[in-house]
Amino acid sequence: MIGKPLNQPIRDWTDRRVWIVGASSGIGAALALALLAAGARVAISARGADKLLALAADHPNAIVVPFDASDEMAWEPAVERVAQTLGELDLVVLGAARYDPQHVWDLDMAQAKASYALNVLSVYQAVSLLTPRLLAQRRGGIAVIGSISSYTGLPRAIVYGATKAALQNFTETLYFELAPKGLSVYLISPGFVKTPMTDKNDFEMPGLMTPEAAAAAILKGMARGQFEIRFPFGFANMLRWISRLPYRWRFALLHRTTGQ
């Protein structure tokens, strides 16, 4: 790494207080387990209380706070419950999301609206409530789970990719405004990770990772104080490079590599 880290590196998670939204499966669940194993106190949230309770069963430092992140009215009571249980927060991870692969000619507006409500607007709702608390603490951080699909338009990602592109811009602005005030901001950009969401894909997924490997990559990035934590390294960097090509070359290369 060249120069000063963009965030305060976190190498010791002992007694750190973390809230993960979207923790019932996939990356969120694996990250919760990794943090609990590292000694953190972790509040876990998602709609499915049963999955959260199963995850927390063997972990006394896990606090279950089930709620629907797409429900605007559910956020304030959830924030209050986490604050009453954990007190000040060292990190909030916003990872609740939905993925409905579809082509533009099959666009389902109900799914599109539901995706924006969960993938984007829920993050705005969370940040609007949590930022004043973090600023009052004068420390802590926010991590937003985006996707490398934000880098460029891709087949069947007409909705999902656009929501993640919105989150990339949002999180960059969040860093620009909050870092000078002493807060850390992380943009987590996964590639293909074996989760219930990617199980919907019917094509070969380059660089497919386990959720556990994804969680390890996230913790490694936070230990380095990175702003954007992208993985898997090779595939994610290749797509980032493709996204910087002139459109004529980019579109031709993507058509050839995706076969669409």
Protein backbone atom coordinates (compact mmCIF):
# COMPACT_ATOMS: atom_id res chain seq x y z
CA MET A 1 0.00 0.00 0.00
CA ILE A 2 1.34 3.42 -0.96
CA GLY A 3 0.83 6.32 1.42
CA LYS A 4 -1.43 6.62 4.43
CA PRO A 5 -4.42 4.24 4.68
CA LEU A 6 -7.71 5.88 3.78
CA ASN A 7 -9.34 4.44 6.92
CA GLN A 8 -8.11 3.66 10.41
CA PRO A 9 -6.87 0.04 10.18
CA ILE A 10 -8.72 -2.46 12.39
CA ARG A 11 -6.55 -5.42 13.34
CA ASP A 12 -7.99 -6.33 16.74
CA TRP A 13 -11.74 -7.00 16.95
CA THR A 14 -11.82 -7.89 20.66
CA ASP A 15 -14.93 -6.27 22.21
CA ARG A 16 -15.57 -4.22 19.07
CA ARG A 17 -19.28 -3.56 18.63
CA VAL A 18 -20.55 -4.33 15.14
CA TRP A 19 -24.01 -4.32 13.56
CA ILE A 20 -24.51 -6.34 10.37
CA VAL A 21 -27.71 -5.80 8.39
CA GLY A 22 -28.28 -8.66 5.96
CA ALA A 23 -26.74 -11.34 8.16
CA SER A 24 -29.04 -14.33 7.67
CA SER A 25 -26.98 -15.93 4.87
CA GLY A 26 -24.11 -15.44 2.45
CA ILE A 27 -21.46 -12.79 3.06
CA GLY A 28 -23.29 -11.20 6.00
CA ALA A 29 -23.61 -14.47 7.91
CA ALA A 30 -20.00 -15.48 7.22
CA LEU A 31 -18.74 -12.05 8.27
CA ALA A 32 -20.76 -12.22 11.49
CA LEU A 33 -19.25 -15.59 12.36
CA ALA A 34 -15.73 -14.39 11.54
CA LEU A 35 -16.14 -11.31 13.74
CA LEU A 36 -17.61 -13.33 16.60
CA ALA A 37 -14.67 -15.72 16.36
CA ALA A 38 -12.34 -12.70 16.51
CA GLY A 39 -13.91 -11.51 19.76
CA ALA A 40 -16.37 -8.87 18.56
CA ARG A 41 -19.87 -8.31 19.90
CA VAL A 42 -22.14 -8.51 16.89
CA ALA A 43 -25.77 -7.51 16.35
CA ILE A 44 -27.21 -9.43 13.39
CA SER A 45 -30.26 -8.35 11.43
CA ALA A 46 -32.38 -9.64 8.55
CA ARG A 47 -36.03 -10.47 7.98
CA GLY A 48 -35.70 -14.16 8.89
CA ALA A 49 -35.52 -14.45 12.69
CA ASP A 50 -35.14 -18.25 12.55
CA LYS A 51 -31.91 -18.07 10.54
CA LEU A 52 -30.52 -15.38 12.80
CA LEU A 53 -31.33 -17.36 15.92
CA ALA A 54 -29.66 -20.44 14.44
CA LEU A 55 -26.53 -18.43 13.64
CA ALA A 56 -26.43 -16.93 17.14
CA ALA A 57 -27.18 -20.17 18.99
CA ASP A 58 -23.59 -20.97 19.97
CA HIS A 59 -22.38 -17.39 20.29
CA PRO A 60 -23.19 -15.47 23.49
CA ASN A 61 -21.79 -12.27 21.95
CA ALA A 62 -24.37 -12.34 19.13
CA ILE A 63 -27.47 -10.16 19.47
CA VAL A 64 -30.43 -10.95 17.22
CA VAL A 65 -32.39 -7.94 15.92
CA PRO A 66 -34.73 -9.12 13.14
CA PHE A 67 -36.47 -6.56 10.93
CA ASP A 68 -37.24 -5.82 7.28
CA ALA A 69 -34.64 -3.34 6.02
CA SER A 70 -36.91 -2.33 3.13
CA ASP A 71 -39.52 -1.10 5.62
CA GLU A 72 -38.77 2.55 6.29
CA MET A 73 -40.69 2.53 9.57
CA ALA A 74 -38.77 -0.48 10.94
CA TRP A 75 -35.39 1.24 10.95
CA GLU A 76 -35.73 3.60 13.91
CA PRO A 77 -36.84 0.91 16.41
CA ALA A 78 -34.07 -1.39 15.14
CA VAL A 79 -31.43 1.33 15.63
CA GLU A 80 -32.75 2.03 19.12
CA ARG A 81 -32.68 -1.65 20.07
CA VAL A 82 -29.10 -2.09 18.84
CA ALA A 83 -28.00 1.09 20.62
CA GLN A 84 -29.61 -0.02 23.89
CA THR A 85 -27.89 -3.42 23.66
CA LEU A 86 -24.44 -2.53 22.34
CA GLY A 87 -24.13 1.15 23.17
CA GLU A 88 -21.75 2.98 20.87
CA LEU A 89 -21.03 1.22 17.57
CA ASP A 90 -17.58 0.66 16.09
CA LEU A 91 -18.87 -0.52 12.71
CA VAL A 92 -22.14 -0.87 10.83
CA VAL A 93 -22.21 -3.17 7.78
CA LEU A 94 -25.09 -2.52 5.38
CA GLY A 95 -25.50 -5.59 3.19
CA ALA A 96 -29.20 -6.35 2.81
CA ALA A 97 -29.92 -6.84 -0.89
CA ARG A 98 -31.98 -8.66 -3.48
CA TYR A 99 -31.02 -9.86 -6.95
CA ASP A 100 -33.49 -10.60 -9.72
CA PRO A 101 -31.61 -11.37 -12.95
CA GLN A 102 -33.55 -10.03 -15.92
CA HIS A 103 -33.03 -8.61 -19.39
CA VAL A 104 -34.39 -5.20 -20.29
CA TRP A 105 -37.01 -6.76 -22.57
CA ASP A 106 -38.33 -8.75 -19.60
CA LEU A 107 -38.17 -5.89 -17.12
CA ASP A 108 -40.43 -6.42 -14.10
CA MET A 109 -41.23 -3.07 -12.54
CA ALA A 110 -42.42 -4.57 -9.25
CA GLN A 111 -39.06 -6.31 -8.84
CA ALA A 112 -37.22 -3.14 -9.87
CA LYS A 113 -39.01 -1.05 -7.25
CA ALA A 114 -38.41 -3.71 -4.57
CA SER A 115 -34.71 -3.83 -5.47
CA TYR A 116 -34.28 -0.08 -5.17
CA ALA A 117 -36.20 -0.06 -1.88
CA LEU A 118 -33.89 -2.66 -0.33
CA ASN A 119 -30.58 -2.22 -2.14
CA VAL A 120 -30.49 1.58 -2.17
CA LEU A 121 -33.16 3.36 -0.13
CA SER A 122 -32.61 1.19 2.94
CA VAL A 123 -28.97 2.32 2.96
CA TYR A 124 -30.05 5.96 2.86
CA GLN A 125 -32.45 5.29 5.72
CA ALA A 126 -29.74 3.61 7.79
CA VAL A 127 -27.19 6.33 7.20
CA SER A 128 -29.68 9.11 7.98
CA LEU A 129 -30.26 7.59 11.42
CA LEU A 130 -26.77 6.34 12.21
CA THR A 131 -24.57 9.23 11.03
CA PRO A 132 -25.62 11.64 13.81
CA ARG A 133 -24.79 8.95 16.40
CA LEU A 134 -21.39 8.21 14.88
CA LEU A 135 -20.55 11.90 14.59
CA ALA A 136 -21.46 12.37 18.26
CA GLN A 137 -19.10 9.49 19.13
CA ARG A 138 -16.36 11.04 16.93
CA ARG A 139 -15.38 7.54 15.82
CA GLY A 140 -16.73 4.41 14.19
CA GLY A 141 -17.42 3.40 10.63
CA ILE A 142 -19.93 2.45 7.98
CA ALA A 143 -19.37 -0.33 5.44
CA VAL A 144 -21.63 -0.62 2.40
CA ILE A 145 -21.69 -3.89 0.46
CA GLY A 146 -21.84 -3.05 -3.22
CA SER A 147 -20.69 -5.22 -6.12
CA ILE A 148 -18.18 -5.20 -8.93
CA SER A 149 -21.25 -5.20 -11.19
CA SER A 150 -21.29 -1.46 -10.45
CA TYR A 151 -18.26 -0.99 -12.69
CA THR A 152 -20.01 -1.46 -16.03
CA GLY A 153 -23.27 -2.60 -17.60
CA LEU A 154 -23.55 -6.38 -17.74
CA PRO A 155 -26.10 -8.86 -19.12
CA ARG A 156 -29.18 -9.48 -16.97
CA ALA A 157 -28.05 -6.87 -14.42
CA ILE A 158 -30.31 -4.08 -15.68
CA VAL A 159 -31.65 -3.54 -12.14
CA TYR A 160 -29.11 -5.07 -9.77
CA GLY A 161 -26.07 -3.49 -11.42
CA ALA A 162 -27.73 -0.09 -11.44
CA THR A 163 -28.55 -0.27 -7.73
CA LYS A 164 -24.96 -1.19 -6.95
CA ALA A 165 -23.64 1.63 -9.15
CA ALA A 166 -25.80 3.99 -7.11
CA LEU A 167 -24.26 2.60 -3.93
CA GLN A 168 -20.74 3.07 -5.26
CA ASN A 169 -21.35 6.76 -5.91
CA PHE A 170 -23.19 7.10 -2.59
CA THR A 171 -20.36 5.51 -0.61
CA GLU A 172 -17.70 7.60 -2.35
CA THR A 173 -19.62 10.73 -1.34
CA LEU A 174 -20.07 9.34 2.16
CA TYR A 175 -16.30 8.94 2.48
CA PHE A 176 -15.67 12.42 1.07
CA GLU A 177 -17.93 13.97 3.72
CA LEU A 178 -17.35 11.76 6.76
CA ALA A 179 -13.64 10.89 6.64
CA PRO A 180 -12.58 14.46 7.52
CA LYS A 181 -14.82 14.17 10.58
CA GLY A 182 -12.96 11.12 11.85
CA LEU A 183 -15.24 8.33 10.63
CA SER A 184 -14.25 5.35 8.52
CA VAL A 185 -16.18 4.44 5.38
CA TYR A 186 -15.74 1.21 3.43
CA LEU A 187 -17.02 0.20 0.00
CA ILE A 188 -17.09 -3.59 -0.21
CA SER A 189 -17.17 -4.74 -3.83
CA PRO A 190 -17.60 -8.52 -4.13
CA GLY A 191 -17.50 -10.50 -7.32
CA PHE A 192 -19.27 -13.84 -7.51
CA VAL A 193 -19.77 -15.39 -4.07
CA LYS A 194 -21.62 -18.67 -3.51
CA THR A 195 -24.85 -17.43 -1.92
CA PRO A 196 -28.61 -17.89 -2.39
CA MET A 197 -28.48 -14.87 -4.71
CA THR A 198 -25.85 -16.26 -7.08
CA ASP A 199 -27.61 -19.63 -7.06
CA LYS A 200 -30.06 -17.93 -9.43
CA ASN A 201 -27.36 -17.65 -12.11
CA ASP A 202 -27.35 -20.20 -14.92
CA PHE A 203 -23.91 -19.32 -16.29
CA GLU A 204 -20.31 -19.95 -15.30
CA MET A 205 -19.21 -17.47 -12.65
CA PRO A 206 -15.50 -16.56 -12.89
CA GLY A 207 -13.62 -16.47 -9.61
CA LEU A 208 -16.53 -17.87 -7.58
CA MET A 209 -15.69 -17.63 -3.86
CA THR A 210 -17.12 -19.08 -0.68
CA PRO A 211 -18.76 -16.67 1.79
CA GLU A 212 -16.01 -17.54 4.27
CA ALA A 213 -13.32 -16.47 1.79
CA ALA A 214 -15.26 -13.26 1.16
CA ALA A 215 -15.44 -12.53 4.89
CA ALA A 216 -11.69 -13.12 5.23
CA ALA A 217 -11.05 -10.69 2.34
CA ILE A 218 -13.20 -8.05 4.05
CA LEU A 219 -11.35 -8.35 7.35
CA LYS A 220 -8.02 -8.26 5.53
CA GLY A 221 -9.05 -5.06 3.75
CA MET A 222 -10.15 -3.45 7.00
CA ALA A 223 -6.85 -4.43 8.62
CA ARG A 224 -5.16 -2.50 5.83
CA GLY A 225 -7.45 0.51 6.20
CA GLN A 226 -8.68 0.27 2.60
CA PHE A 227 -11.62 2.30 1.32
CA GLU A 228 -12.68 -0.10 -1.44
CA ILE A 229 -12.31 -3.78 -0.62
CA ARG A 230 -12.77 -5.69 -3.88
CA PHE A 231 -12.49 -9.42 -4.44
CA PRO A 232 -11.61 -11.86 -5.88
CA PHE A 233 -8.47 -9.91 -6.70
CA GLY A 234 -7.83 -11.08 -10.27
CA PHE A 235 -11.36 -11.05 -11.67
CA ALA A 236 -12.39 -7.86 -9.85
CA ASN A 237 -9.34 -5.95 -11.07
CA MET A 238 -9.85 -7.23 -14.61
CA LEU A 239 -13.45 -5.96 -14.66
CA ARG A 240 -12.31 -2.65 -13.20
CA TRP A 241 -9.75 -2.36 -15.99
CA ILE A 242 -12.38 -3.19 -18.63
CA SER A 243 -14.65 -0.49 -17.21
CA ARG A 244 -11.99 2.12 -17.98
CA LEU A 245 -11.67 1.24 -21.64
CA PRO A 246 -13.27 3.45 -24.30
CA TYR A 247 -16.88 2.35 -24.83
CA ARG A 248 -16.24 0.99 -28.33
CA TRP A 249 -13.59 -1.40 -27.01
CA ARG A 250 -15.40 -2.12 -23.75
CA PHE A 251 -18.69 -3.16 -25.34
CA ALA A 252 -16.96 -5.30 -27.96
CA LEU A 253 -14.88 -7.07 -25.29
CA LEU A 254 -17.88 -7.68 -23.01
CA HIS A 255 -20.01 -9.03 -25.88
CA ARG A 256 -17.23 -11.42 -26.79
CA THR A 257 -16.50 -12.61 -23.24
CA THR A 258 -20.14 -12.97 -22.13
CA GLY A 259 -21.46 -14.32 -25.41
CA GLN A 260 -24.37 -11.85 -25.29
